[in-house]
Amino acid sequence: MKLRVLNVTKFMCMLILVAAGAGCNSTTTEDQRRRDERTREEAAKATERIKPELKEAGKELGQAAREAAEDARAAAQGVREGWNRDHAHPLNLNTATETDLESLPGITKTDAERIIGNRPYRSKSELLAKRILSEREYDQIRDYVTTD
């Protein structure tokens, strides 16, 4: 990957030097036209040569970004799960903040907003009865919440 970046940088520097060289001598308009045409041709050839490397570098960068995003999501879930395992007291569904609720396994910002919007709760099973969470979501958090 580093080699590809260096090649792209080298390519860009070459284009700048070619373009800068085109304006060094100011003779006739015909000479300028020829220099401009040569510059365009050289830039087009250089672009054509580097194009496959740029495409491959773009693919590699996209894959690396996807992997980094997946790793970040997994790490965030792990932090949430680790945090929840250490909760000394279950979260009270009637008083927990949105951030507290989002720290529960599988609970998204939208879920937390729905939980808060449907308060008060007499029992944590009302999350199912009121269709606020699916059974799978409820199973993940039932041990971490209370209404007391």
C-alpha atoms as a PDB file:
ATOM      1  CA  MET A   1       0.000   0.000   0.000  1.00  0.00           C
ATOM      2  CA  LYS A   2       2.848   2.381   0.867  1.00  0.00           C
ATOM      3  CA  LEU A   3       4.446   1.779  -2.553  1.00  0.00           C
ATOM      4  CA  ARG A   4       1.178   2.642  -4.293  1.00  0.00           C
ATOM      5  CA  VAL A   5       0.892   5.917  -2.371  1.00  0.00           C
ATOM      6  CA  LEU A   6       4.462   6.795  -3.334  1.00  0.00           C
ATOM      7  CA  ASN A   7       3.690   6.048  -6.999  1.00  0.00           C
ATOM      8  CA  VAL A   8       0.608   8.258  -6.871  1.00  0.00           C
ATOM      9  CA  THR A   9       2.645  11.038  -5.240  1.00  0.00           C
ATOM     10  CA  LYS A  10       5.355  10.637  -7.879  1.00  0.00           C
ATOM     11  CA  PHE A  11       2.705  10.832 -10.592  1.00  0.00           C
ATOM     12  CA  MET A  12       1.218  14.030  -9.157  1.00  0.00           C
ATOM     13  CA  CYS A  13       4.667  15.640  -8.871  1.00  0.00           C
ATOM     14  CA  MET A  14       5.399  14.724 -12.496  1.00  0.00           C
ATOM     15  CA  LEU A  15       2.176  16.348 -13.658  1.00  0.00           C
ATOM     16  CA  ILE A  16       2.983  19.527 -11.757  1.00  0.00           C
ATOM     17  CA  LEU A  17       6.514  19.666 -13.208  1.00  0.00           C
ATOM     18  CA  VAL A  18       5.258  19.031 -16.740  1.00  0.00           C
ATOM     19  CA  ALA A  19       2.629  21.729 -16.381  1.00  0.00           C
ATOM     20  CA  ALA A  20       5.107  24.168 -14.857  1.00  0.00           C
ATOM     21  CA  GLY A  21       7.635  23.483 -17.625  1.00  0.00           C
ATOM     22  CA  ALA A  22       5.038  24.289 -20.234  1.00  0.00           C
ATOM     23  CA  GLY A  23       4.976  27.898 -19.144  1.00  0.00           C
ATOM     24  CA  CYS A  24       8.752  28.491 -18.875  1.00  0.00           C
ATOM     25  CA  ASN A  25       9.370  29.954 -22.353  1.00  0.00           C
ATOM     26  CA  SER A  26       7.088  32.499 -23.840  1.00  0.00           C
ATOM     27  CA  THR A  27       7.766  32.555 -27.537  1.00  0.00           C
ATOM     28  CA  THR A  28       5.087  32.325 -30.174  1.00  0.00           C
ATOM     29  CA  THR A  29       1.516  31.206 -29.763  1.00  0.00           C
ATOM     30  CA  GLU A  30       2.231  28.279 -32.107  1.00  0.00           C
ATOM     31  CA  ASP A  31       5.098  27.110 -29.847  1.00  0.00           C
ATOM     32  CA  GLN A  32       2.820  27.480 -26.838  1.00  0.00           C
ATOM     33  CA  ARG A  33       0.102  25.481 -28.558  1.00  0.00           C
ATOM     34  CA  ARG A  34       2.563  22.655 -29.309  1.00  0.00           C
ATOM     35  CA  ARG A  35       3.858  22.661 -25.726  1.00  0.00           C
ATOM     36  CA  ASP A  36       0.303  22.599 -24.411  1.00  0.00           C
ATOM     37  CA  GLU A  37      -0.558  19.671 -26.655  1.00  0.00           C
ATOM     38  CA  ARG A  38       2.592  17.763 -25.587  1.00  0.00           C
ATOM     39  CA  THR A  39       1.761  18.469 -21.952  1.00  0.00           C
ATOM     40  CA  ARG A  40      -1.783  17.155 -22.412  1.00  0.00           C
ATOM     41  CA  GLU A  41      -0.502  14.036 -24.165  1.00  0.00           C
ATOM     42  CA  GLU A  42       2.107  13.336 -21.483  1.00  0.00           C
ATOM     43  CA  ALA A  43      -0.431  13.893 -18.708  1.00  0.00           C
ATOM     44  CA  ALA A  44      -2.927  11.584 -20.451  1.00  0.00           C
ATOM     45  CA  LYS A  45      -0.289   8.837 -20.868  1.00  0.00           C
ATOM     46  CA  ALA A  46       0.851   9.175 -17.249  1.00  0.00           C
ATOM     47  CA  THR A  47      -2.748   9.003 -16.062  1.00  0.00           C
ATOM     48  CA  GLU A  48      -3.386   5.927 -18.183  1.00  0.00           C
ATOM     49  CA  ARG A  49      -0.282   4.200 -16.758  1.00  0.00           C
ATOM     50  CA  ILE A  50      -1.180   4.918 -13.120  1.00  0.00           C
ATOM     51  CA  LYS A  51      -4.945   4.245 -13.446  1.00  0.00           C
ATOM     52  CA  PRO A  52      -4.828   0.486 -12.573  1.00  0.00           C
ATOM     53  CA  GLU A  53      -2.725   1.200  -9.485  1.00  0.00           C
ATOM     54  CA  LEU A  54      -5.121   3.924  -8.364  1.00  0.00           C
ATOM     55  CA  LYS A  55      -8.094   1.580  -8.784  1.00  0.00           C
ATOM     56  CA  GLU A  56      -6.374  -1.189  -6.820  1.00  0.00           C
ATOM     57  CA  ALA A  57      -5.320   1.238  -4.071  1.00  0.00           C
ATOM     58  CA  GLY A  58      -8.919   2.463  -3.864  1.00  0.00           C
ATOM     59  CA  LYS A  59     -10.214  -1.102  -3.482  1.00  0.00           C
ATOM     60  CA  GLU A  60      -7.667  -1.837  -0.765  1.00  0.00           C
ATOM     61  CA  LEU A  61      -8.537   1.372   1.056  1.00  0.00           C
ATOM     62  CA  GLY A  62     -12.259   0.582   0.885  1.00  0.00           C
ATOM     63  CA  GLN A  63     -11.686  -2.916   2.286  1.00  0.00           C
ATOM     64  CA  ALA A  64      -9.502  -1.543   5.086  1.00  0.00           C
ATOM     65  CA  ALA A  65     -12.219   1.004   5.962  1.00  0.00           C
ATOM     66  CA  ARG A  66     -14.899  -1.721   6.079  1.00  0.00           C
ATOM     67  CA  GLU A  67     -12.733  -3.899   8.323  1.00  0.00           C
ATOM     68  CA  ALA A  68     -11.985  -0.965  10.635  1.00  0.00           C
ATOM     69  CA  ALA A  69     -15.710  -0.178  10.924  1.00  0.00           C
ATOM     70  CA  GLU A  70     -16.519  -3.813  11.740  1.00  0.00           C
ATOM     71  CA  ASP A  71     -13.750  -3.888  14.364  1.00  0.00           C
ATOM     72  CA  ALA A  72     -15.045  -0.664  15.918  1.00  0.00           C
ATOM     73  CA  ARG A  73     -18.609  -2.026  16.123  1.00  0.00           C
ATOM     74  CA  ALA A  74     -17.367  -5.255  17.709  1.00  0.00           C
ATOM     75  CA  ALA A  75     -15.245  -3.333  20.216  1.00  0.00           C
ATOM     76  CA  ALA A  76     -18.178  -1.085  21.148  1.00  0.00           C
ATOM     77  CA  GLN A  77     -20.407  -4.120  21.680  1.00  0.00           C
ATOM     78  CA  GLY A  78     -17.702  -5.731  23.814  1.00  0.00           C
ATOM     79  CA  VAL A  79     -17.416  -2.609  25.948  1.00  0.00           C
ATOM     80  CA  ARG A  80     -21.192  -2.564  26.411  1.00  0.00           C
ATOM     81  CA  GLU A  81     -21.275  -6.211  27.376  1.00  0.00           C
ATOM     82  CA  GLY A  82     -18.346  -5.845  29.760  1.00  0.00           C
ATOM     83  CA  TRP A  83     -19.954  -2.805  31.340  1.00  0.00           C
ATOM     84  CA  ASN A  84     -23.230  -4.603  31.797  1.00  0.00           C
ATOM     85  CA  ARG A  85     -21.630  -7.618  33.425  1.00  0.00           C
ATOM     86  CA  ASP A  86     -20.229  -5.363  36.106  1.00  0.00           C
ATOM     87  CA  HIS A  87     -23.446  -3.497  36.893  1.00  0.00           C
ATOM     88  CA  ALA A  88     -23.857  -3.773  40.644  1.00  0.00           C
ATOM     89  CA  HIS A  89     -27.506  -2.755  40.355  1.00  0.00           C
ATOM     90  CA  PRO A  90     -29.902  -3.273  37.471  1.00  0.00           C
ATOM     91  CA  LEU A  91     -30.990  -0.141  35.586  1.00  0.00           C
ATOM     92  CA  ASN A  92     -34.389   1.187  36.499  1.00  0.00           C
ATOM     93  CA  LEU A  93     -36.447   1.456  33.309  1.00  0.00           C
ATOM     94  CA  ASN A  94     -38.388   4.371  34.799  1.00  0.00           C
ATOM     95  CA  THR A  95     -35.345   6.512  35.678  1.00  0.00           C
ATOM     96  CA  ALA A  96     -32.409   5.397  33.468  1.00  0.00           C
ATOM     97  CA  THR A  97     -31.015   7.935  31.032  1.00  0.00           C
ATOM     98  CA  GLU A  98     -30.898   7.337  27.302  1.00  0.00           C
ATOM     99  CA  THR A  99     -27.130   6.796  27.565  1.00  0.00           C
ATOM    100  CA  ASP A 100     -27.605   4.258  30.373  1.00  0.00           C
ATOM    101  CA  LEU A 101     -30.152   2.365  28.295  1.00  0.00           C
ATOM    102  CA  GLU A 102     -27.898   2.396  25.218  1.00  0.00           C
ATOM    103  CA  SER A 103     -25.190   0.716  27.295  1.00  0.00           C
ATOM    104  CA  LEU A 104     -27.391  -2.377  27.544  1.00  0.00           C
ATOM    105  CA  PRO A 105     -26.630  -5.230  25.114  1.00  0.00           C
ATOM    106  CA  GLY A 106     -28.355  -4.781  21.761  1.00  0.00           C
ATOM    107  CA  ILE A 107     -30.124  -1.530  22.706  1.00  0.00           C
ATOM    108  CA  THR A 108     -29.851   1.204  20.087  1.00  0.00           C
ATOM    109  CA  LYS A 109     -30.536   4.916  20.417  1.00  0.00           C
ATOM    110  CA  THR A 110     -33.975   4.350  18.872  1.00  0.00           C
ATOM    111  CA  ASP A 111     -34.738   1.547  21.349  1.00  0.00           C
ATOM    112  CA  ALA A 112     -33.673   3.760  24.272  1.00  0.00           C
ATOM    113  CA  GLU A 113     -35.904   6.585  23.023  1.00  0.00           C
ATOM    114  CA  ARG A 114     -38.883   4.188  22.748  1.00  0.00           C
ATOM    115  CA  ILE A 115     -38.269   2.857  26.253  1.00  0.00           C
ATOM    116  CA  ILE A 116     -38.168   6.389  27.668  1.00  0.00           C
ATOM    117  CA  GLY A 117     -41.197   7.474  25.617  1.00  0.00           C
ATOM    118  CA  ASN A 118     -43.396   4.700  27.001  1.00  0.00           C
ATOM    119  CA  ARG A 119     -42.718   5.223  30.713  1.00  0.00           C
ATOM    120  CA  PRO A 120     -43.792   4.461  33.401  1.00  0.00           C
ATOM    121  CA  TYR A 121     -43.452   0.695  33.696  1.00  0.00           C
ATOM    122  CA  ARG A 122     -44.898  -1.461  36.485  1.00  0.00           C
ATOM    123  CA  SER A 123     -42.917  -4.484  35.333  1.00  0.00           C
ATOM    124  CA  LYS A 124     -39.966  -4.959  33.000  1.00  0.00           C
ATOM    125  CA  SER A 125     -42.017  -7.482  30.997  1.00  0.00           C
ATOM    126  CA  GLU A 126     -44.100  -4.520  29.788  1.00  0.00           C
ATOM    127  CA  LEU A 127     -41.296  -3.954  27.275  1.00  0.00           C
ATOM    128  CA  LEU A 128     -42.704  -7.003  25.513  1.00  0.00           C
ATOM    129  CA  ALA A 129     -46.372  -6.359  26.258  1.00  0.00           C
ATOM    130  CA  LYS A 130     -46.147  -2.811  24.861  1.00  0.00           C
ATOM    131  CA  ARG A 131     -44.108  -4.104  21.887  1.00  0.00           C
ATOM    132  CA  ILE A 132     -41.225  -1.774  22.657  1.00  0.00           C
ATOM    133  CA  LEU A 133     -38.639  -4.535  22.260  1.00  0.00           C
ATOM    134  CA  SER A 134     -38.626  -7.838  20.464  1.00  0.00           C
ATOM    135  CA  GLU A 135     -38.378 -11.024  22.492  1.00  0.00           C
ATOM    136  CA  ARG A 136     -34.740 -11.433  21.427  1.00  0.00           C
ATOM    137  CA  GLU A 137     -33.867  -7.876  22.541  1.00  0.00           C
ATOM    138  CA  TYR A 138     -35.725  -8.324  25.808  1.00  0.00           C
ATOM    139  CA  ASP A 139     -33.916 -11.618  26.516  1.00  0.00           C
ATOM    140  CA  GLN A 140     -30.588  -9.804  26.174  1.00  0.00           C
ATOM    141  CA  ILE A 141     -31.401  -7.156  28.779  1.00  0.00           C
ATOM    142  CA  ARG A 142     -33.934  -8.644  31.196  1.00  0.00           C
ATOM    143  CA  ASP A 143     -31.247  -9.481  33.760  1.00  0.00           C
ATOM    144  CA  TYR A 144     -29.921  -5.909  33.673  1.00  0.00           C
ATOM    145  CA  VAL A 145     -33.154  -3.947  34.183  1.00  0.00           C
ATOM    146  CA  THR A 146     -35.801  -3.451  36.829  1.00  0.00           C
ATOM    147  CA  THR A 147     -38.764  -1.194  37.546  1.00  0.00           C
ATOM    148  CA  ASP A 148     -38.168  -0.927  41.318  1.00  0.00           C
END
